């Protein structure tokens, strides 16, 4: 199952700089693990924000829930999760042309 996830992260302004850096490094390391495992398929930063949008693959809602909760910045996150299904144009393209072009 694919999910579009929008992460809005708000770390309190009075958080010590060393803790912020530790959280950032931990978040990157955990994201790298999910990318290597094929769970985070693509990740973006919306222009003008510090938010994150990504396409995430999980076998179940429970798997997705556990994975997201394992992120070091989870306590500071507001999430929007949208399950995705294939669009009919994708199936029609694949039937006529083969695989969709890579992006």
PDB file of N, CA and C in Angstrom:
ATOM      1  N   UNK A   1       0.832  -1.164   0.000  1.00  0.00           N
ATOM      2  CA  UNK A   1       0.000   0.000   0.000  1.00  0.00           C
ATOM      3  C   UNK A   1       0.887   1.241   0.000  1.00  0.00           C
ATOM      4  N   UNK A   2       0.486   2.232  -0.800  1.00  0.00           N
ATOM      5  CA  UNK A   2       1.218   3.494  -0.834  1.00  0.00           C
ATOM      6  C   UNK A   2       0.437   4.564  -0.084  1.00  0.00           C
ATOM      7  N   UNK A   3       1.189   5.450   0.560  1.00  0.00           N
ATOM      8  CA  UNK A   3       0.599   6.530   1.330  1.00  0.00           C
ATOM      9  C   UNK A   3       1.328   7.825   1.011  1.00  0.00           C
ATOM     10  N   UNK A   4       0.563   8.897   0.885  1.00  0.00           N
ATOM     11  CA  UNK A   4       1.129  10.231   0.812  1.00  0.00           C
ATOM     12  C   UNK A   4       1.077  10.789   2.228  1.00  0.00           C
ATOM     13  N   UNK A   5       2.235  11.154   2.750  1.00  0.00           N
ATOM     14  CA  UNK A   5       2.294  11.661   4.122  1.00  0.00           C
ATOM     15  C   UNK A   5       2.871  13.065   4.112  1.00  0.00           C
ATOM     16  N   UNK A   6       2.190  13.956   4.810  1.00  0.00           N
ATOM     17  CA  UNK A   6       2.682  15.319   5.011  1.00  0.00           C
ATOM     18  C   UNK A   6       3.039  15.438   6.491  1.00  0.00           C
ATOM     19  N   UNK A   7       4.308  15.738   6.750  1.00  0.00           N
ATOM     20  CA  UNK A   7       4.815  15.895   8.110  1.00  0.00           C
ATOM     21  C   UNK A   7       5.027  17.379   8.381  1.00  0.00           C
ATOM     22  N   UNK A   8       4.388  17.884   9.409  1.00  0.00           N
ATOM     23  CA  UNK A   8       4.635  19.246   9.886  1.00  0.00           C
ATOM     24  C   UNK A   8       5.310  19.093  11.245  1.00  0.00           C
ATOM     25  N   UNK A   9       6.564  19.517  11.334  1.00  0.00           N
ATOM     26  CA  UNK A   9       7.347  19.327  12.554  1.00  0.00           C
ATOM     27  C   UNK A   9       7.541  20.670  13.247  1.00  0.00           C
ATOM     28  N   UNK A  10       7.208  20.709  14.535  1.00  0.00           N
ATOM     29  CA  UNK A  10       7.396  21.912  15.334  1.00  0.00           C
ATOM     30  C   UNK A  10       8.119  21.529  16.622  1.00  0.00           C
ATOM     31  N   UNK A  11       9.407  21.796  16.626  1.00  0.00           N
ATOM     32  CA  UNK A  11      10.206  21.584  17.836  1.00  0.00           C
ATOM     33  C   UNK A  11      10.142  22.886  18.628  1.00  0.00           C
ATOM     34  N   UNK A  12       9.835  22.824  19.917  1.00  0.00           N
ATOM     35  CA  UNK A  12       9.744  24.055  20.710  1.00  0.00           C
ATOM     36  C   UNK A  12      11.003  24.914  20.595  1.00  0.00           C
ATOM     37  N   UNK A  13      10.802  26.212  20.513  1.00  0.00           N
ATOM     38  CA  UNK A  13      11.909  27.161  20.333  1.00  0.00           C
ATOM     39  C   UNK A  13      12.939  27.077  21.455  1.00  0.00           C
ATOM     40  N   UNK A  14      12.504  26.707  22.658  1.00  0.00           N
ATOM     41  CA  UNK A  14      13.433  26.665  23.788  1.00  0.00           C
ATOM     42  C   UNK A  14      14.172  25.327  23.916  1.00  0.00           C
ATOM     43  N   UNK A  15      14.027  24.463  22.913  1.00  0.00           N
ATOM     44  CA  UNK A  15      14.762  23.191  22.923  1.00  0.00           C
ATOM     45  C   UNK A  15      16.245  23.480  22.755  1.00  0.00           C
ATOM     46  N   UNK A  16      17.102  22.910  23.608  1.00  0.00           N
ATOM     47  CA  UNK A  16      18.544  23.155  23.489  1.00  0.00           C
ATOM     48  C   UNK A  16      19.071  22.769  22.101  1.00  0.00           C
ATOM     49  N   UNK A  17      20.009  23.556  21.609  1.00  0.00           N
ATOM     50  CA  UNK A  17      20.567  23.346  20.269  1.00  0.00           C
ATOM     51  C   UNK A  17      21.164  21.954  20.102  1.00  0.00           C
ATOM     52  N   UNK A  18      21.832  21.446  21.138  1.00  0.00           N
ATOM     53  CA  UNK A  18      22.438  20.117  21.013  1.00  0.00           C
ATOM     54  C   UNK A  18      21.370  19.023  20.888  1.00  0.00           C
ATOM     55  N   UNK A  19      20.232  19.181  21.559  1.00  0.00           N
ATOM     56  CA  UNK A  19      19.140  18.219  21.422  1.00  0.00           C
ATOM     57  C   UNK A  19      18.525  18.315  20.031  1.00  0.00           C
ATOM     58  N   UNK A  20      18.347  19.542  19.529  1.00  0.00           N
ATOM     59  CA  UNK A  20      17.825  19.709  18.168  1.00  0.00           C
ATOM     60  C   UNK A  20      18.730  19.013  17.156  1.00  0.00           C
ATOM     61  N   UNK A  21      20.023  19.172  17.307  1.00  0.00           N
ATOM     62  CA  UNK A  21      20.968  18.534  16.384  1.00  0.00           C
ATOM     63  C   UNK A  21      20.922  17.013  16.519  1.00  0.00           C
ATOM     64  N   UNK A  22      20.827  16.524  17.736  1.00  0.00           N
ATOM     65  CA  UNK A  22      20.714  15.076  17.958  1.00  0.00           C
ATOM     66  C   UNK A  22      19.447  14.527  17.292  1.00  0.00           C
ATOM     67  N   UNK A  23      18.336  15.225  17.435  1.00  0.00           N
ATOM     68  CA  UNK A  23      17.081  14.804  16.802  1.00  0.00           C
ATOM     69  C   UNK A  23      17.201  14.819  15.279  1.00  0.00           C
ATOM     70  N   UNK A  24      17.824  15.863  14.721  1.00  0.00           N
ATOM     71  CA  UNK A  24      17.992  15.970  13.274  1.00  0.00           C
ATOM     72  C   UNK A  24      18.831  14.820  12.739  1.00  0.00           C
ATOM     73  N   UNK A  25      19.942  14.538  13.397  1.00  0.00           N
ATOM     74  CA  UNK A  25      20.807  13.445  12.962  1.00  0.00           C
ATOM     75  C   UNK A  25      20.092  12.102  13.075  1.00  0.00           C
ATOM     76  N   UNK A  26      19.371  11.898  14.170  1.00  0.00           N
ATOM     77  CA  UNK A  26      18.624  10.659  14.348  1.00  0.00           C
ATOM     78  C   UNK A  26      17.535  10.498  13.312  1.00  0.00           C
ATOM     79  N   UNK A  27      16.865  11.600  12.982  1.00  0.00           N
ATOM     80  CA  UNK A  27      15.806  11.574  11.964  1.00  0.00           C
ATOM     81  C   UNK A  27      16.378  11.198  10.598  1.00  0.00           C
ATOM     82  N   UNK A  28      17.518  11.795  10.246  1.00  0.00           N
ATOM     83  CA  UNK A  28      18.149  11.453   8.971  1.00  0.00           C
ATOM     84  C   UNK A  28      18.558   9.989   8.928  1.00  0.00           C
ATOM     85  N   UNK A  29      19.157   9.506   9.997  1.00  0.00           N
ATOM     86  CA  UNK A  29      19.592   8.109  10.038  1.00  0.00           C
ATOM     87  C   UNK A  29      18.398   7.161   9.890  1.00  0.00           C
ATOM     88  N   UNK A  30      17.318   7.458  10.587  1.00  0.00           N
ATOM     89  CA  UNK A  30      16.120   6.595  10.513  1.00  0.00           C
ATOM     90  C   UNK A  30      15.504   6.668   9.123  1.00  0.00           C
ATOM     91  N   UNK A  31      15.443   7.856   8.537  1.00  0.00           N
ATOM     92  CA  UNK A  31      14.914   7.996   7.177  1.00  0.00           C
ATOM     93  C   UNK A  31      15.766   7.203   6.188  1.00  0.00           C
ATOM     94  N   UNK A  32      17.083   7.258   6.349  1.00  0.00           N
ATOM     95  CA  UNK A  32      17.964   6.481   5.466  1.00  0.00           C
ATOM     96  C   UNK A  32      17.640   4.992   5.565  1.00  0.00           C
ATOM     97  N   UNK A  33      17.380   4.509   6.777  1.00  0.00           N
ATOM     98  CA  UNK A  33      17.021   3.092   6.948  1.00  0.00           C
ATOM     99  C   UNK A  33      15.740   2.762   6.189  1.00  0.00           C
ATOM    100  N   UNK A  34      14.743   3.642   6.276  1.00  0.00           N
ATOM    101  CA  UNK A  34      13.478   3.402   5.578  1.00  0.00           C
ATOM    102  C   UNK A  34      13.649   3.502   4.061  1.00  0.00           C
ATOM    103  N   UNK A  35      14.507   4.397   3.603  1.00  0.00           N
ATOM    104  CA  UNK A  35      14.777   4.483   2.163  1.00  0.00           C
ATOM    105  C   UNK A  35      15.459   3.203   1.687  1.00  0.00           C
ATOM    106  N   UNK A  36      16.477   2.760   2.412  1.00  0.00           N
ATOM    107  CA  UNK A  36      17.188   1.526   2.037  1.00  0.00           C
ATOM    108  C   UNK A  36      16.272   0.312   2.040  1.00  0.00           C
ATOM    109  N   UNK A  37      15.272   0.304   2.930  1.00  0.00           N
ATOM    110  CA  UNK A  37      14.330  -0.811   3.028  1.00  0.00           C
ATOM    111  C   UNK A  37      13.212  -0.711   1.984  1.00  0.00           C
ATOM    112  N   UNK A  38      13.203   0.372   1.196  1.00  0.00           N
ATOM    113  CA  UNK A  38      12.170   0.549   0.182  1.00  0.00           C
ATOM    114  C   UNK A  38      10.843   1.032   0.736  1.00  0.00           C
ATOM    115  N   UNK A  39      10.852   1.561   1.943  1.00  0.00           N
ATOM    116  CA  UNK A  39       9.612   2.036   2.573  1.00  0.00           C
ATOM    117  C   UNK A  39       9.336   3.494   2.226  1.00  0.00           C
ATOM    118  N   UNK A  40      10.340   4.356   2.340  1.00  0.00           N
ATOM    119  CA  UNK A  40      10.190   5.732   1.844  1.00  0.00           C
ATOM    120  C   UNK A  40      10.591   5.674   0.379  1.00  0.00           C
ATOM    121  N   UNK A  41       9.600   5.886  -0.493  1.00  0.00           N
ATOM    122  CA  UNK A  41       9.842   5.771  -1.936  1.00  0.00           C
ATOM    123  C   UNK A  41      10.349   7.078  -2.534  1.00  0.00           C
ATOM    124  N   UNK A  42       9.834   8.197  -2.058  1.00  0.00           N
ATOM    125  CA  UNK A  42      10.262   9.528  -2.489  1.00  0.00           C
ATOM    126  C   UNK A  42      10.002  10.476  -1.323  1.00  0.00           C
ATOM    127  N   UNK A  43      10.823  11.531  -1.258  1.00  0.00           N
ATOM    128  CA  UNK A  43      10.667  12.494  -0.174  1.00  0.00           C
ATOM    129  C   UNK A  43      10.966  13.890  -0.714  1.00  0.00           C
ATOM    130  N   UNK A  44      10.135  14.864  -0.298  1.00  0.00           N
ATOM    131  CA  UNK A  44      10.267  16.237  -0.771  1.00  0.00           C
ATOM    132  C   UNK A  44      10.095  17.213   0.379  1.00  0.00           C
ATOM    133  N   UNK A  45      10.521  18.441   0.151  1.00  0.00           N
ATOM    134  CA  UNK A  45      10.261  19.559   1.048  1.00  0.00           C
ATOM    135  C   UNK A  45       9.417  20.561   0.267  1.00  0.00           C
ATOM    136  N   UNK A  46       8.194  20.855   0.697  1.00  0.00           N
ATOM    137  CA  UNK A  46       7.395  21.875   0.026  1.00  0.00           C
ATOM    138  C   UNK A  46       8.100  23.238   0.090  1.00  0.00           C
ATOM    139  N   UNK A  47       8.097  23.941  -1.010  1.00  0.00           N
ATOM    140  CA  UNK A  47       8.769  25.233  -1.094  1.00  0.00           C
ATOM    141  C   UNK A  47       8.251  26.180  -0.011  1.00  0.00           C
ATOM    142  N   UNK A  48       9.190  26.856   0.629  1.00  0.00           N
ATOM    143  CA  UNK A  48       8.841  27.867   1.619  1.00  0.00           C
ATOM    144  C   UNK A  48       8.472  27.332   2.988  1.00  0.00           C
ATOM    145  N   UNK A  49       8.685  26.043   3.224  1.00  0.00           N
ATOM    146  CA  UNK A  49       8.354  25.451   4.519  1.00  0.00           C
ATOM    147  C   UNK A  49       9.511  24.584   5.009  1.00  0.00           C
ATOM    148  N   UNK A  50       9.412  24.145   6.237  1.00  0.00           N
ATOM    149  CA  UNK A  50      10.334  23.148   6.773  1.00  0.00           C
ATOM    150  C   UNK A  50       9.621  21.796   6.868  1.00  0.00           C
ATOM    151  N   UNK A  51       8.453  21.693   6.234  1.00  0.00           N
ATOM    152  CA  UNK A  51       7.663  20.465   6.257  1.00  0.00           C
ATOM    153  C   UNK A  51       8.281  19.411   5.341  1.00  0.00           C
ATOM    154  N   UNK A  52       7.750  18.219   5.416  1.00  0.00           N
ATOM    155  CA  UNK A  52       8.184  17.114   4.567  1.00  0.00           C
ATOM    156  C   UNK A  52       6.961  16.432   3.989  1.00  0.00           C
ATOM    157  N   UNK A  53       7.053  16.069   2.723  1.00  0.00           N
ATOM    158  CA  UNK A  53       6.047  15.229   2.073  1.00  0.00           C
ATOM    159  C   UNK A  53       6.764  14.012   1.520  1.00  0.00           C
ATOM    160  N   UNK A  54       6.149  12.860   1.654  1.00  0.00           N
ATOM    161  CA  UNK A  54       6.789  11.672   1.107  1.00  0.00           C
ATOM    162  C   UNK A  54       5.750  10.660   0.647  1.00  0.00           C
ATOM    163  N   UNK A  55       6.218   9.777  -0.210  1.00  0.00           N
ATOM    164  CA  UNK A  55       5.452   8.598  -0.602  1.00  0.00           C
ATOM    165  C   UNK A  55       6.052   7.451   0.194  1.00  0.00           C
ATOM    166  N   UNK A  56       5.229   6.807   0.966  1.00  0.00           N
ATOM    167  CA  UNK A  56       5.659   5.741   1.879  1.00  0.00           C
ATOM    168  C   UNK A  56       4.946   4.462   1.487  1.00  0.00           C
ATOM    169  N   UNK A  57       5.673   3.363   1.492  1.00  0.00           N
ATOM    170  CA  UNK A  57       5.075   2.059   1.222  1.00  0.00           C
ATOM    171  C   UNK A  57       5.061   1.239   2.500  1.00  0.00           C
ATOM    172  N   UNK A  58       3.903   0.649   2.790  1.00  0.00           N
ATOM    173  CA  UNK A  58       3.765  -0.210   3.966  1.00  0.00           C
ATOM    174  C   UNK A  58       2.779  -1.313   3.630  1.00  0.00           C
ATOM    175  N   UNK A  59       2.960  -2.461   4.236  1.00  0.00           N
ATOM    176  CA  UNK A  59       2.068  -3.601   3.987  1.00  0.00           C
ATOM    177  C   UNK A  59       0.748  -3.478   4.730  1.00  0.00           C
ATOM    178  N   UNK A  60       0.719  -2.617   5.745  1.00  0.00           N
ATOM    179  CA  UNK A  60      -0.516  -2.467   6.525  1.00  0.00           C
ATOM    180  C   UNK A  60      -0.496  -1.112   7.232  1.00  0.00           C
ATOM    181  N   UNK A  61      -1.651  -0.724   7.715  1.00  0.00           N
ATOM    182  CA  UNK A  61      -1.735   0.507   8.500  1.00  0.00           C
ATOM    183  C   UNK A  61      -0.937   0.378   9.794  1.00  0.00           C
ATOM    184  N   UNK A  62      -0.956  -0.814  10.363  1.00  0.00           N
ATOM    185  CA  UNK A  62      -0.207  -1.048  11.607  1.00  0.00           C
ATOM    186  C   UNK A  62       1.292  -0.887  11.378  1.00  0.00           C
ATOM    187  N   UNK A  63       1.787  -1.400  10.238  1.00  0.00           N
ATOM    188  CA  UNK A  63       3.209  -1.247   9.918  1.00  0.00           C
ATOM    189  C   UNK A  63       3.565   0.228   9.752  1.00  0.00           C
ATOM    190  N   UNK A  64       2.728   0.948   9.030  1.00  0.00           N
ATOM    191  CA  UNK A  64       2.968   2.377   8.825  1.00  0.00           C
ATOM    192  C   UNK A  64       2.970   3.111  10.163  1.00  0.00           C
ATOM    193  N   UNK A  65       1.993   2.819  10.997  1.00  0.00           N
ATOM    194  CA  UNK A  65       1.881   3.460  12.305  1.00  0.00           C
ATOM    195  C   UNK A  65       3.146   3.225  13.134  1.00  0.00           C
ATOM    196  N   UNK A  66       3.595   1.989  13.190  1.00  0.00           N
ATOM    197  CA  UNK A  66       4.797   1.665  13.973  1.00  0.00           C
ATOM    198  C   UNK A  66       6.028   2.369  13.401  1.00  0.00           C
ATOM    199  N   UNK A  67       6.134   2.406  12.087  1.00  0.00           N
ATOM    200  CA  UNK A  67       7.291   3.037  11.457  1.00  0.00           C
ATOM    201  C   UNK A  67       7.336   4.531  11.751  1.00  0.00           C
ATOM    202  N   UNK A  68       6.226   5.197  11.553  1.00  0.00           N
ATOM    203  CA  UNK A  68       6.186   6.642  11.789  1.00  0.00           C
ATOM    204  C   UNK A  68       6.458   6.957  13.255  1.00  0.00           C
ATOM    205  N   UNK A  69       5.908   6.158  14.155  1.00  0.00           N
ATOM    206  CA  UNK A  69       6.141   6.385  15.590  1.00  0.00           C
ATOM    207  C   UNK A  69       7.600   6.166  15.984  1.00  0.00           C
ATOM    208  N   UNK A  70       8.359   5.452  15.152  1.00  0.00           N
ATOM    209  CA  UNK A  70       9.769   5.203  15.468  1.00  0.00           C
ATOM    210  C   UNK A  70      10.677   6.363  15.068  1.00  0.00           C
ATOM    211  N   UNK A  71      10.143   7.358  14.386  1.00  0.00           N
ATOM    212  CA  UNK A  71      10.960   8.505  13.983  1.00  0.00           C
ATOM    213  C   UNK A  71      11.290   9.364  15.208  1.00  0.00           C
ATOM    214  N   UNK A  72      12.545   9.776  15.350  1.00  0.00           N
ATOM    215  CA  UNK A  72      12.924  10.563  16.522  1.00  0.00           C
ATOM    216  C   UNK A  72      12.121  11.856  16.708  1.00  0.00           C
ATOM    217  N   UNK A  73      11.682  12.471  15.611  1.00  0.00           N
ATOM    218  CA  UNK A  73      10.919  13.716  15.722  1.00  0.00           C
ATOM    219  C   UNK A  73       9.418  13.482  15.867  1.00  0.00           C
ATOM    220  N   UNK A  74       8.989  12.230  15.960  1.00  0.00           N
ATOM    221  CA  UNK A  74       7.561  11.934  16.048  1.00  0.00           C
ATOM    222  C   UNK A  74       6.830  12.741  17.133  1.00  0.00           C
ATOM    223  N   UNK A  75       7.399  12.898  18.317  1.00  0.00           N
ATOM    224  CA  UNK A  75       6.662  13.651  19.347  1.00  0.00           C
ATOM    225  C   UNK A  75       6.354  15.100  18.951  1.00  0.00           C
ATOM    226  N   UNK A  76       7.044  15.611  17.948  1.00  0.00           N
ATOM    227  CA  UNK A  76       6.871  17.003  17.534  1.00  0.00           C
ATOM    228  C   UNK A  76       6.126  17.117  16.199  1.00  0.00           C
ATOM    229  N   UNK A  77       5.560  16.021  15.723  1.00  0.00           N
ATOM    230  CA  UNK A  77       4.949  15.974  14.395  1.00  0.00           C
ATOM    231  C   UNK A  77       3.437  16.100  14.417  1.00  0.00           C
ATOM    232  N   UNK A  78       2.943  16.777  13.401  1.00  0.00           N
ATOM    233  CA  UNK A  78       1.534  16.752  13.041  1.00  0.00           C
ATOM    234  C   UNK A  78       1.504  16.104  11.660  1.00  0.00           C
ATOM    235  N   UNK A  79       0.718  15.035  11.527  1.00  0.00           N
ATOM    236  CA  UNK A  79       0.730  14.239  10.293  1.00  0.00           C
ATOM    237  C   UNK A  79      -0.589  14.299   9.559  1.00  0.00           C
ATOM    238  N   UNK A  80      -0.481  14.203   8.244  1.00  0.00           N
ATOM    239  CA  UNK A  80      -1.637  13.997   7.392  1.00  0.00           C
ATOM    240  C   UNK A  80      -1.293  12.798   6.524  1.00  0.00           C
ATOM    241  N   UNK A  81      -2.084  11.730   6.604  1.00  0.00           N
ATOM    242  CA  UNK A  81      -1.810  10.491   5.870  1.00  0.00           C
ATOM    243  C   UNK A  81      -2.964  10.221   4.911  1.00  0.00           C
ATOM    244  N   UNK A  82      -2.614  10.039   3.640  1.00  0.00           N
ATOM    245  CA  UNK A  82      -3.608   9.752   2.608  1.00  0.00           C
ATOM    246  C   UNK A  82      -3.240   8.446   1.917  1.00  0.00           C
ATOM    247  N   UNK A  83      -4.071   7.397   2.041  1.00  0.00           N
ATOM    248  CA  UNK A  83      -3.819   6.162   1.289  1.00  0.00           C
ATOM    249  C   UNK A  83      -4.005   6.442  -0.207  1.00  0.00           C
ATOM    250  N   UNK A  84      -3.156   5.835  -1.024  1.00  0.00           N
ATOM    251  CA  UNK A  84      -3.201   6.053  -2.465  1.00  0.00           C
ATOM    252  C   UNK A  84      -3.549   4.760  -3.208  1.00  0.00           C
ATOM    253  N   UNK A  85      -4.288   4.912  -4.296  1.00  0.00           N
ATOM    254  CA  UNK A  85      -4.567   3.799  -5.203  1.00  0.00           C
ATOM    255  C   UNK A  85      -4.136   4.231  -6.599  1.00  0.00           C
ATOM    256  N   UNK A  86      -3.918   3.259  -7.449  1.00  0.00           N
ATOM    257  CA  UNK A  86      -3.477   3.549  -8.804  1.00  0.00           C
ATOM    258  C   UNK A  86      -4.556   4.312  -9.577  1.00  0.00           C
ATOM    259  N   UNK A  87      -4.125   5.300 -10.332  1.00  0.00           N
ATOM    260  CA  UNK A  87      -5.030   6.070 -11.184  1.00  0.00           C
ATOM    261  C   UNK A  87      -5.262   5.290 -12.481  1.00  0.00           C
ATOM    262  N   UNK A  88      -6.464   5.337 -13.045  1.00  0.00           N
ATOM    263  CA  UNK A  88      -6.742   4.614 -14.291  1.00  0.00           C
ATOM    264  C   UNK A  88      -5.804   4.985 -15.443  1.00  0.00           C
ATOM    265  N   UNK A  89      -5.311   6.213 -15.477  1.00  0.00           N
ATOM    266  CA  UNK A  89      -4.374   6.607 -16.541  1.00  0.00           C
ATOM    267  C   UNK A  89      -3.081   5.800 -16.441  1.00  0.00           C
ATOM    268  N   UNK A  90      -2.644   5.520 -15.219  1.00  0.00           N
ATOM    269  CA  UNK A  90      -1.425   4.724 -15.036  1.00  0.00           C
ATOM    270  C   UNK A  90      -1.600   3.334 -15.644  1.00  0.00           C
ATOM    271  N   UNK A  91      -2.729   2.689 -15.352  1.00  0.00           N
ATOM    272  CA  UNK A  91      -2.991   1.353 -15.908  1.00  0.00           C
ATOM    273  C   UNK A  91      -3.083   1.416 -17.427  1.00  0.00           C
ATOM    274  N   UNK A  92      -3.735   2.438 -17.960  1.00  0.00           N
ATOM    275  CA  UNK A  92      -3.867   2.574 -19.411  1.00  0.00           C
ATOM    276  C   UNK A  92      -2.503   2.817 -20.060  1.00  0.00           C
ATOM    277  N   UNK A  93      -1.682   3.661 -19.438  1.00  0.00           N
ATOM    278  CA  UNK A  93      -0.339   3.918 -19.960  1.00  0.00           C
ATOM    279  C   UNK A  93       0.475   2.629 -19.989  1.00  0.00           C
ATOM    280  N   UNK A  94       0.452   1.907 -18.884  1.00  0.00           N
ATOM    281  CA  UNK A  94       1.226   0.672 -18.780  1.00  0.00           C
ATOM    282  C   UNK A  94       0.793  -0.323 -19.857  1.00  0.00           C
ATOM    283  N   UNK A  95      -0.519  -0.412 -20.097  1.00  0.00           N
ATOM    284  CA  UNK A  95      -1.049  -1.336 -21.102  1.00  0.00           C
ATOM    285  C   UNK A  95      -0.571  -0.952 -22.500  1.00  0.00           C
ATOM    286  N   UNK A  96      -0.527   0.346 -22.769  1.00  0.00           N
ATOM    287  CA  UNK A  96      -0.163   0.816 -24.107  1.00  0.00           C
ATOM    288  C   UNK A  96       1.336   1.009 -24.302  1.00  0.00           C
ATOM    289  N   UNK A  97       2.061   1.438 -23.227  1.00  0.00           N
ATOM    290  CA  UNK A  97       3.456   1.830 -23.378  1.00  0.00           C
ATOM    291  C   UNK A  97       4.433   1.049 -22.498  1.00  0.00           C
ATOM    292  N   UNK A  98       3.964   0.278 -21.561  1.00  0.00           N
ATOM    293  CA  UNK A  98       4.849  -0.363 -20.599  1.00  0.00           C
ATOM    294  C   UNK A  98       4.979   0.492 -19.344  1.00  0.00           C
ATOM    295  N   UNK A  99       6.079   0.335 -18.662  1.00  0.00           N
ATOM    296  CA  UNK A  99       6.273   1.035 -17.378  1.00  0.00           C
ATOM    297  C   UNK A  99       6.216   2.552 -17.545  1.00  0.00           C
ATOM    298  N   UNK A 100       5.723   3.192 -16.504  1.00  0.00           N
ATOM    299  CA  UNK A 100       5.713   4.664 -16.463  1.00  0.00           C
ATOM    300  C   UNK A 100       7.152   5.155 -16.469  1.00  0.00           C
ATOM    301  N   UNK A 101       7.397   6.329 -17.064  1.00  0.00           N
ATOM    302  CA  UNK A 101       8.749   6.900 -17.014  1.00  0.00           C
ATOM    303  C   UNK A 101       9.177   7.160 -15.579  1.00  0.00           C
ATOM    304  N   UNK A 102      10.445   6.975 -15.312  1.00  0.00           N
ATOM    305  CA  UNK A 102      11.000   7.256 -13.980  1.00  0.00           C
ATOM    306  C   UNK A 102      10.991   8.759 -13.732  1.00  0.00           C
ATOM    307  N   UNK A 103      10.934   9.144 -12.480  1.00  0.00           N
ATOM    308  CA  UNK A 103      11.048  10.571 -12.166  1.00  0.00           C
ATOM    309  C   UNK A 103      12.109  10.787 -11.120  1.00  0.00           C
TER     310      UNK A 103
END
